[in-house]
Amino acid sequence: MNVDKILDIFNRHQVSYLLLGGMNFLLRHAPIITYDVDLWIEDTDENRGRCENALAELSAEWGRTEHDWKPVASKPAGWLGQQPVFCLTSPDGAIDIFRYVKGLGDWPASFKTANCEQTAAGIAYFGLSDDDMLRCQYALDESQRKVDRIATLEAALKNKKN
């Protein structure tokens, strides 16, 4: 997986996004295995269009069914408006695009509290705050929660207060 390339292309296309999920946790807290890059995008027509262009540059593919699966570059403009979550493949790794995140309010509110960080290669990104990552964990069904992440996030928040 080439997270640096994915984030760099999203940055160059000026996509308003927040990195969340395992990759955000990996880059900020602990080395964990993660199989995709999860991005919550600001859900506006303009930003979805920029995101579509970034995904096309990444040679991403998506389809509602295996018969509809094809490069997103061949899809008509506006295809990201079809559903709230997309799971795509690309030569640089799997990418999940979220237009909505369970447990969180609106995108602008989470962006205000996001962390501006850099990958080891120096690629800038905005990642979901620890508070918001914790809210996401508690919004999951109890069987889906990642107890180790919750403990790490709660400890980080406690240390931040001290």
N, C-alpha and C. Protein backbone atom coordinates (compact mmCIF):
# COMPACT_ATOMS: atom_id res chain seq x y z
N MET A 1 0.85 -1.17 0.00
CA MET A 1 0.00 0.00 0.00
C MET A 1 0.90 1.24 0.00
N ASN A 2 0.56 2.22 -0.82
CA ASN A 2 1.33 3.44 -0.90
C ASN A 2 0.49 4.61 -0.42
N VAL A 3 0.39 4.74 0.91
CA VAL A 3 -0.43 5.80 1.50
C VAL A 3 0.10 7.18 1.11
N ASP A 4 1.42 7.32 0.98
CA ASP A 4 1.98 8.61 0.61
C ASP A 4 1.47 9.06 -0.76
N LYS A 5 1.47 8.16 -1.72
CA LYS A 5 0.99 8.52 -3.06
C LYS A 5 -0.50 8.87 -3.02
N ILE A 6 -1.28 8.07 -2.31
CA ILE A 6 -2.73 8.33 -2.23
C ILE A 6 -2.99 9.71 -1.63
N LEU A 7 -2.36 10.01 -0.49
CA LEU A 7 -2.57 11.31 0.16
C LEU A 7 -2.03 12.45 -0.69
N ASP A 8 -0.88 12.25 -1.33
CA ASP A 8 -0.31 13.29 -2.18
C ASP A 8 -1.25 13.64 -3.32
N ILE A 9 -1.82 12.64 -3.96
CA ILE A 9 -2.73 12.91 -5.08
C ILE A 9 -4.01 13.59 -4.58
N PHE A 10 -4.53 13.17 -3.44
CA PHE A 10 -5.71 13.85 -2.88
C PHE A 10 -5.36 15.31 -2.55
N ASN A 11 -4.17 15.55 -2.02
CA ASN A 11 -3.76 16.92 -1.72
C ASN A 11 -3.62 17.75 -3.00
N ARG A 12 -2.99 17.19 -4.03
CA ARG A 12 -2.81 17.93 -5.28
C ARG A 12 -4.14 18.27 -5.94
N HIS A 13 -5.13 17.42 -5.75
CA HIS A 13 -6.46 17.68 -6.31
C HIS A 13 -7.31 18.55 -5.38
N GLN A 14 -6.73 18.97 -4.27
CA GLN A 14 -7.36 19.84 -3.29
C GLN A 14 -8.67 19.25 -2.75
N VAL A 15 -8.66 17.94 -2.52
CA VAL A 15 -9.82 17.27 -1.94
C VAL A 15 -9.82 17.59 -0.45
N SER A 16 -10.97 18.01 0.06
CA SER A 16 -11.13 18.23 1.50
C SER A 16 -11.49 16.88 2.11
N TYR A 17 -10.55 16.33 2.90
CA TYR A 17 -10.73 14.99 3.46
C TYR A 17 -10.16 14.94 4.86
N LEU A 18 -10.57 13.94 5.59
CA LEU A 18 -9.98 13.59 6.88
C LEU A 18 -9.59 12.12 6.82
N LEU A 19 -8.36 11.83 7.19
CA LEU A 19 -7.92 10.44 7.28
C LEU A 19 -8.49 9.86 8.57
N LEU A 20 -9.08 8.68 8.48
CA LEU A 20 -9.63 8.03 9.65
C LEU A 20 -9.29 6.56 9.63
N GLY A 21 -9.83 5.83 10.56
CA GLY A 21 -9.63 4.39 10.58
C GLY A 21 -8.23 3.97 10.96
N GLY A 22 -7.88 2.76 10.54
CA GLY A 22 -6.62 2.15 10.93
C GLY A 22 -5.39 2.92 10.49
N MET A 23 -5.41 3.50 9.29
CA MET A 23 -4.23 4.23 8.82
C MET A 23 -3.98 5.46 9.68
N ASN A 24 -5.03 6.19 10.04
CA ASN A 24 -4.87 7.34 10.92
C ASN A 24 -4.31 6.90 12.27
N PHE A 25 -4.83 5.79 12.79
CA PHE A 25 -4.35 5.27 14.07
C PHE A 25 -2.90 4.82 13.94
N LEU A 26 -2.56 4.14 12.86
CA LEU A 26 -1.20 3.66 12.63
C LEU A 26 -0.21 4.82 12.58
N LEU A 27 -0.54 5.86 11.83
CA LEU A 27 0.38 6.98 11.67
C LEU A 27 0.53 7.81 12.94
N ARG A 28 -0.47 7.80 13.81
CA ARG A 28 -0.43 8.67 14.99
C ARG A 28 -0.14 7.95 16.29
N HIS A 29 -0.43 6.65 16.37
CA HIS A 29 -0.34 6.00 17.67
C HIS A 29 0.48 4.71 17.71
N ALA A 30 0.14 3.74 16.92
CA ALA A 30 0.77 2.43 17.07
C ALA A 30 0.80 1.69 15.74
N PRO A 31 1.86 0.94 15.51
CA PRO A 31 1.92 0.15 14.27
C PRO A 31 0.93 -1.01 14.33
N ILE A 32 -0.06 -0.93 13.51
CA ILE A 32 -1.08 -1.99 13.41
C ILE A 32 -1.20 -2.38 11.94
N ILE A 33 -1.74 -3.53 11.71
CA ILE A 33 -1.99 -3.95 10.33
C ILE A 33 -3.28 -3.31 9.86
N THR A 34 -3.21 -2.68 8.73
CA THR A 34 -4.41 -2.10 8.12
C THR A 34 -4.34 -2.38 6.62
N TYR A 35 -5.48 -2.57 6.03
CA TYR A 35 -5.52 -3.01 4.64
C TYR A 35 -6.06 -1.98 3.67
N ASP A 36 -6.39 -0.79 4.19
CA ASP A 36 -6.94 0.22 3.31
C ASP A 36 -6.69 1.61 3.87
N VAL A 37 -6.99 2.60 3.06
CA VAL A 37 -6.93 3.99 3.47
C VAL A 37 -8.37 4.48 3.51
N ASP A 38 -8.81 4.91 4.70
CA ASP A 38 -10.17 5.40 4.88
C ASP A 38 -10.16 6.91 4.88
N LEU A 39 -10.95 7.51 4.00
CA LEU A 39 -11.02 8.96 3.88
C LEU A 39 -12.47 9.41 3.98
N TRP A 40 -12.72 10.34 4.89
CA TRP A 40 -14.03 10.97 5.02
C TRP A 40 -13.92 12.30 4.27
N ILE A 41 -14.70 12.45 3.22
CA ILE A 41 -14.62 13.66 2.40
C ILE A 41 -15.74 14.62 2.77
N GLU A 42 -15.44 15.90 2.60
CA GLU A 42 -16.49 16.90 2.76
C GLU A 42 -17.50 16.66 1.65
N ASP A 43 -18.76 16.53 2.02
CA ASP A 43 -19.79 16.10 1.08
C ASP A 43 -20.45 17.27 0.36
N THR A 44 -19.69 17.87 -0.56
CA THR A 44 -20.24 18.91 -1.44
C THR A 44 -20.02 18.45 -2.88
N ASP A 45 -20.81 18.99 -3.79
CA ASP A 45 -20.66 18.62 -5.20
C ASP A 45 -19.24 18.89 -5.69
N GLU A 46 -18.71 20.07 -5.35
CA GLU A 46 -17.37 20.44 -5.82
C GLU A 46 -16.31 19.49 -5.28
N ASN A 47 -16.39 19.18 -3.99
CA ASN A 47 -15.38 18.32 -3.40
C ASN A 47 -15.50 16.88 -3.90
N ARG A 48 -16.73 16.41 -4.09
CA ARG A 48 -16.89 15.06 -4.66
C ARG A 48 -16.26 15.02 -6.05
N GLY A 49 -16.41 16.09 -6.83
CA GLY A 49 -15.80 16.15 -8.17
C GLY A 49 -14.28 16.08 -8.09
N ARG A 50 -13.68 16.81 -7.15
CA ARG A 50 -12.22 16.76 -6.97
C ARG A 50 -11.79 15.36 -6.54
N CYS A 51 -12.59 14.75 -5.68
CA CYS A 51 -12.29 13.39 -5.22
C CYS A 51 -12.37 12.40 -6.39
N GLU A 52 -13.39 12.53 -7.22
CA GLU A 52 -13.51 11.67 -8.40
C GLU A 52 -12.27 11.79 -9.29
N ASN A 53 -11.78 13.01 -9.47
CA ASN A 53 -10.58 13.22 -10.30
C ASN A 53 -9.35 12.60 -9.66
N ALA A 54 -9.21 12.73 -8.34
CA ALA A 54 -8.07 12.12 -7.65
C ALA A 54 -8.12 10.60 -7.77
N LEU A 55 -9.30 10.03 -7.59
CA LEU A 55 -9.44 8.57 -7.71
C LEU A 55 -9.15 8.10 -9.13
N ALA A 56 -9.55 8.89 -10.12
CA ALA A 56 -9.25 8.54 -11.51
C ALA A 56 -7.74 8.55 -11.74
N GLU A 57 -7.04 9.56 -11.19
CA GLU A 57 -5.57 9.61 -11.35
C GLU A 57 -4.91 8.41 -10.67
N LEU A 58 -5.51 7.91 -9.60
CA LEU A 58 -4.99 6.73 -8.90
C LEU A 58 -5.37 5.42 -9.59
N SER A 59 -6.05 5.51 -10.73
CA SER A 59 -6.52 4.33 -11.47
C SER A 59 -7.41 3.45 -10.59
N ALA A 60 -8.21 4.09 -9.73
CA ALA A 60 -9.12 3.36 -8.85
C ALA A 60 -10.25 2.75 -9.66
N GLU A 61 -10.78 1.65 -9.12
CA GLU A 61 -11.91 0.96 -9.75
C GLU A 61 -13.01 0.76 -8.71
N TRP A 62 -14.25 0.81 -9.18
CA TRP A 62 -15.40 0.61 -8.32
C TRP A 62 -16.59 0.20 -9.17
N GLY A 63 -17.51 -0.48 -8.54
CA GLY A 63 -18.78 -0.82 -9.17
C GLY A 63 -19.76 -1.30 -8.13
N ARG A 64 -21.04 -1.09 -8.39
CA ARG A 64 -22.08 -1.57 -7.47
C ARG A 64 -22.13 -3.09 -7.45
N THR A 65 -21.80 -3.69 -8.58
CA THR A 65 -21.75 -5.16 -8.70
C THR A 65 -20.47 -5.53 -9.43
N GLU A 66 -20.14 -6.80 -9.44
CA GLU A 66 -18.92 -7.21 -10.17
C GLU A 66 -19.07 -6.97 -11.67
N HIS A 67 -20.31 -6.96 -12.18
CA HIS A 67 -20.53 -6.70 -13.61
C HIS A 67 -20.35 -5.23 -13.94
N ASP A 68 -20.53 -4.35 -12.94
CA ASP A 68 -20.41 -2.91 -13.12
C ASP A 68 -19.02 -2.41 -12.71
N TRP A 69 -18.16 -3.31 -12.21
CA TRP A 69 -16.84 -2.93 -11.72
C TRP A 69 -15.96 -2.49 -12.88
N LYS A 70 -15.44 -1.26 -12.80
CA LYS A 70 -14.57 -0.75 -13.86
C LYS A 70 -13.82 0.48 -13.34
N PRO A 71 -12.85 0.95 -14.11
CA PRO A 71 -12.13 2.15 -13.68
C PRO A 71 -13.09 3.33 -13.48
N VAL A 72 -12.87 4.07 -12.39
CA VAL A 72 -13.77 5.19 -12.12
C VAL A 72 -13.62 6.30 -13.15
N ALA A 73 -12.48 6.32 -13.85
CA ALA A 73 -12.29 7.33 -14.90
C ALA A 73 -13.32 7.20 -16.00
N SER A 74 -13.91 6.02 -16.15
CA SER A 74 -14.91 5.80 -17.20
C SER A 74 -16.33 6.08 -16.72
N LYS A 75 -16.50 6.41 -15.46
CA LYS A 75 -17.83 6.67 -14.91
C LYS A 75 -18.21 8.12 -15.15
N PRO A 76 -19.51 8.40 -15.26
CA PRO A 76 -19.95 9.78 -15.48
C PRO A 76 -19.71 10.63 -14.23
N ALA A 77 -19.45 11.90 -14.45
CA ALA A 77 -19.25 12.83 -13.33
C ALA A 77 -20.44 12.73 -12.38
N GLY A 78 -20.14 12.81 -11.10
CA GLY A 78 -21.19 12.77 -10.09
C GLY A 78 -21.45 11.40 -9.50
N TRP A 79 -20.68 10.38 -9.92
CA TRP A 79 -20.94 9.02 -9.46
C TRP A 79 -20.76 8.88 -7.95
N LEU A 80 -19.93 9.71 -7.32
CA LEU A 80 -19.74 9.61 -5.87
C LEU A 80 -20.98 10.02 -5.08
N GLY A 81 -21.95 10.59 -5.73
CA GLY A 81 -23.18 10.97 -5.06
C GLY A 81 -24.17 9.83 -4.91
N GLN A 82 -23.84 8.64 -5.40
CA GLN A 82 -24.79 7.52 -5.45
C GLN A 82 -25.05 6.84 -4.12
N GLN A 83 -24.09 6.86 -3.19
CA GLN A 83 -24.26 6.14 -1.93
C GLN A 83 -23.34 6.77 -0.88
N PRO A 84 -23.50 6.41 0.40
CA PRO A 84 -22.70 7.07 1.45
C PRO A 84 -21.28 6.55 1.64
N VAL A 85 -20.99 5.30 1.23
CA VAL A 85 -19.67 4.72 1.42
C VAL A 85 -19.28 3.96 0.16
N PHE A 86 -17.99 4.08 -0.21
CA PHE A 86 -17.46 3.39 -1.39
C PHE A 86 -16.19 2.65 -1.01
N CYS A 87 -16.08 1.41 -1.44
CA CYS A 87 -14.87 0.61 -1.25
C CYS A 87 -14.26 0.40 -2.63
N LEU A 88 -13.11 1.02 -2.85
CA LEU A 88 -12.46 0.99 -4.15
C LEU A 88 -11.14 0.26 -4.08
N THR A 89 -10.67 -0.20 -5.24
CA THR A 89 -9.34 -0.76 -5.35
C THR A 89 -8.51 0.17 -6.23
N SER A 90 -7.21 0.13 -6.01
CA SER A 90 -6.29 0.88 -6.87
C SER A 90 -4.96 0.16 -6.84
N PRO A 91 -4.09 0.41 -7.80
CA PRO A 91 -2.77 -0.21 -7.77
C PRO A 91 -1.96 0.17 -6.52
N ASP A 92 -2.34 1.26 -5.87
CA ASP A 92 -1.61 1.73 -4.68
C ASP A 92 -2.26 1.30 -3.38
N GLY A 93 -3.34 0.54 -3.45
CA GLY A 93 -4.01 0.04 -2.26
C GLY A 93 -5.50 0.29 -2.29
N ALA A 94 -6.19 -0.37 -1.38
CA ALA A 94 -7.64 -0.20 -1.25
C ALA A 94 -7.93 1.16 -0.61
N ILE A 95 -8.98 1.79 -1.09
CA ILE A 95 -9.38 3.11 -0.59
C ILE A 95 -10.87 3.07 -0.30
N ASP A 96 -11.24 3.47 0.91
CA ASP A 96 -12.65 3.61 1.26
C ASP A 96 -12.96 5.09 1.38
N ILE A 97 -14.02 5.49 0.71
CA ILE A 97 -14.47 6.89 0.74
C ILE A 97 -15.78 6.95 1.51
N PHE A 98 -15.82 7.79 2.52
CA PHE A 98 -17.01 7.98 3.34
C PHE A 98 -17.56 9.38 3.10
N ARG A 99 -18.86 9.46 2.89
CA ARG A 99 -19.53 10.75 2.83
C ARG A 99 -20.18 11.07 4.16
N TYR A 100 -20.26 10.07 5.03
CA TYR A 100 -20.87 10.18 6.35
C TYR A 100 -20.12 9.23 7.26
N VAL A 101 -19.94 9.60 8.52
CA VAL A 101 -19.27 8.72 9.48
C VAL A 101 -20.16 8.59 10.71
N LYS A 102 -20.53 7.37 11.01
CA LYS A 102 -21.37 7.08 12.17
C LYS A 102 -20.69 7.54 13.45
N GLY A 103 -21.45 8.21 14.30
CA GLY A 103 -20.93 8.67 15.59
C GLY A 103 -20.41 10.09 15.57
N LEU A 104 -20.26 10.66 14.39
CA LEU A 104 -19.76 12.02 14.30
C LEU A 104 -20.83 12.95 13.73
N GLY A 105 -20.67 14.21 14.03
CA GLY A 105 -21.60 15.21 13.49
C GLY A 105 -21.25 15.52 12.05
N ASP A 106 -21.21 16.78 11.74
CA ASP A 106 -20.91 17.15 10.36
C ASP A 106 -19.40 17.24 10.13
N TRP A 107 -19.02 17.14 8.87
CA TRP A 107 -17.62 17.15 8.48
C TRP A 107 -16.90 18.42 8.94
N PRO A 108 -17.47 19.61 8.73
CA PRO A 108 -16.74 20.83 9.15
C PRO A 108 -16.40 20.85 10.64
N ALA A 109 -17.28 20.33 11.49
CA ALA A 109 -17.01 20.32 12.93
C ALA A 109 -15.82 19.41 13.23
N SER A 110 -15.75 18.26 12.59
CA SER A 110 -14.61 17.36 12.81
C SER A 110 -13.33 17.92 12.20
N PHE A 111 -13.44 18.63 11.10
CA PHE A 111 -12.25 19.23 10.48
C PHE A 111 -11.63 20.27 11.42
N LYS A 112 -12.47 21.02 12.13
CA LYS A 112 -11.96 22.05 13.05
C LYS A 112 -11.09 21.45 14.15
N THR A 113 -11.37 20.21 14.54
CA THR A 113 -10.60 19.58 15.63
C THR A 113 -9.58 18.56 15.10
N ALA A 114 -9.46 18.45 13.79
CA ALA A 114 -8.55 17.48 13.18
C ALA A 114 -7.10 17.83 13.47
N ASN A 115 -6.24 16.84 13.35
CA ASN A 115 -4.81 17.01 13.52
C ASN A 115 -4.15 17.16 12.16
N CYS A 116 -3.34 18.18 12.01
CA CYS A 116 -2.54 18.34 10.80
C CYS A 116 -1.23 17.62 11.07
N GLU A 117 -0.96 16.58 10.30
CA GLU A 117 0.19 15.72 10.52
C GLU A 117 0.96 15.54 9.22
N GLN A 118 2.03 14.76 9.29
CA GLN A 118 2.80 14.37 8.11
C GLN A 118 3.15 12.90 8.21
N THR A 119 3.17 12.25 7.06
CA THR A 119 3.65 10.87 7.03
C THR A 119 5.17 10.89 7.18
N ALA A 120 5.78 9.74 7.33
CA ALA A 120 7.25 9.66 7.45
C ALA A 120 7.94 10.24 6.23
N ALA A 121 7.27 10.19 5.08
CA ALA A 121 7.84 10.74 3.84
C ALA A 121 7.57 12.25 3.70
N GLY A 122 6.87 12.83 4.68
CA GLY A 122 6.64 14.27 4.66
C GLY A 122 5.36 14.71 3.95
N ILE A 123 4.46 13.80 3.67
CA ILE A 123 3.20 14.15 3.03
C ILE A 123 2.23 14.64 4.10
N ALA A 124 1.74 15.87 3.95
CA ALA A 124 0.81 16.45 4.92
C ALA A 124 -0.58 15.83 4.75
N TYR A 125 -1.27 15.71 5.87
CA TYR A 125 -2.65 15.24 5.85
C TYR A 125 -3.36 15.72 7.09
N PHE A 126 -4.68 15.76 7.02
CA PHE A 126 -5.51 16.04 8.19
C PHE A 126 -6.12 14.72 8.63
N GLY A 127 -5.89 14.38 9.89
CA GLY A 127 -6.42 13.14 10.44
C GLY A 127 -7.44 13.42 11.52
N LEU A 128 -8.39 12.54 11.63
CA LEU A 128 -9.42 12.64 12.65
C LEU A 128 -8.78 12.77 14.03
N SER A 129 -9.31 13.62 14.87
CA SER A 129 -8.77 13.80 16.21
C SER A 129 -8.98 12.55 17.05
N ASP A 130 -8.23 12.44 18.13
CA ASP A 130 -8.39 11.31 19.04
C ASP A 130 -9.80 11.27 19.62
N ASP A 131 -10.35 12.43 19.97
CA ASP A 131 -11.72 12.48 20.48
C ASP A 131 -12.70 11.89 19.47
N ASP A 132 -12.56 12.29 18.21
CA ASP A 132 -13.47 11.79 17.18
C ASP A 132 -13.23 10.31 16.88
N MET A 133 -11.95 9.87 16.90
CA MET A 133 -11.69 8.44 16.70
C MET A 133 -12.35 7.62 17.80
N LEU A 134 -12.32 8.14 19.02
CA LEU A 134 -12.96 7.44 20.14
C LEU A 134 -14.47 7.42 19.97
N ARG A 135 -15.06 8.54 19.54
CA ARG A 135 -16.51 8.59 19.27
C ARG A 135 -16.89 7.54 18.23
N CYS A 136 -16.07 7.40 17.20
CA CYS A 136 -16.35 6.40 16.16
C CYS A 136 -16.34 4.99 16.74
N GLN A 137 -15.38 4.71 17.61
CA GLN A 137 -15.32 3.37 18.21
C GLN A 137 -16.56 3.10 19.05
N TYR A 138 -16.99 4.08 19.84
CA TYR A 138 -18.15 3.87 20.70
C TYR A 138 -19.46 3.86 19.91
N ALA A 139 -19.46 4.37 18.69
CA ALA A 139 -20.65 4.33 17.85
C ALA A 139 -20.86 2.95 17.22
N LEU A 140 -19.80 2.14 17.21
CA LEU A 140 -19.90 0.78 16.66
C LEU A 140 -20.65 -0.13 17.62
N ASP A 141 -21.20 -1.21 17.09
CA ASP A 141 -21.75 -2.24 17.95
C ASP A 141 -20.61 -2.75 18.83
N GLU A 142 -20.92 -3.14 20.04
CA GLU A 142 -19.88 -3.55 20.99
C GLU A 142 -18.97 -4.64 20.43
N SER A 143 -19.53 -5.55 19.65
CA SER A 143 -18.74 -6.65 19.09
C SER A 143 -17.74 -6.18 18.03
N GLN A 144 -17.94 -5.00 17.47
CA GLN A 144 -17.07 -4.48 16.42
C GLN A 144 -16.00 -3.52 16.94
N ARG A 145 -16.13 -3.11 18.18
CA ARG A 145 -15.18 -2.15 18.74
C ARG A 145 -13.80 -2.78 18.88
N LYS A 146 -12.79 -1.97 18.68
CA LYS A 146 -11.41 -2.41 18.83
C LYS A 146 -10.93 -1.94 20.20
N VAL A 147 -10.96 -2.86 21.16
CA VAL A 147 -10.67 -2.54 22.56
C VAL A 147 -9.27 -1.96 22.72
N ASP A 148 -8.30 -2.48 21.97
CA ASP A 148 -6.93 -1.97 22.08
C ASP A 148 -6.84 -0.52 21.62
N ARG A 149 -7.56 -0.18 20.56
CA ARG A 149 -7.57 1.20 20.09
C ARG A 149 -8.24 2.11 21.10
N ILE A 150 -9.35 1.65 21.67
CA ILE A 150 -10.05 2.46 22.67
C ILE A 150 -9.12 2.76 23.84
N ALA A 151 -8.42 1.75 24.33
CA ALA A 151 -7.50 1.95 25.46
C ALA A 151 -6.39 2.94 25.10
N THR A 152 -5.83 2.80 23.90
CA THR A 152 -4.76 3.71 23.46
C THR A 152 -5.28 5.13 23.34
N LEU A 153 -6.45 5.30 22.76
CA LEU A 153 -7.03 6.64 22.59
C LEU A 153 -7.37 7.26 23.93
N GLU A 154 -7.96 6.48 24.82
CA GLU A 154 -8.30 7.03 26.14
C GLU A 154 -7.04 7.44 26.89
N ALA A 155 -5.97 6.65 26.79
CA ALA A 155 -4.71 7.01 27.44
C ALA A 155 -4.12 8.28 26.84
N ALA A 156 -4.17 8.39 25.51
CA ALA A 156 -3.64 9.59 24.84
C ALA A 156 -4.42 10.82 25.26
N LEU A 157 -5.74 10.71 25.36
CA LEU A 157 -6.55 11.85 25.76
C LEU A 157 -6.29 12.22 27.22
N LYS A 158 -6.10 11.22 28.06
CA LYS A 158 -5.79 11.48 29.47
C LYS A 158 -4.45 12.19 29.60
N ASN A 159 -3.44 11.71 28.85
CA ASN A 159 -2.12 12.35 28.87
C ASN A 159 -2.16 13.78 28.34
N LYS A 160 -3.01 14.00 27.36
CA LYS A 160 -3.15 15.34 26.78
C LYS A 160 -3.69 16.33 27.80
N LYS A 161 -4.61 15.87 28.65
CA LYS A 161 -5.20 16.73 29.68
C LYS A 161 -4.21 17.05 30.79
N ASN A 162 -3.26 16.13 31.03
CA ASN A 162 -2.29 16.33 32.13
C ASN A 162 -1.14 17.19 31.73
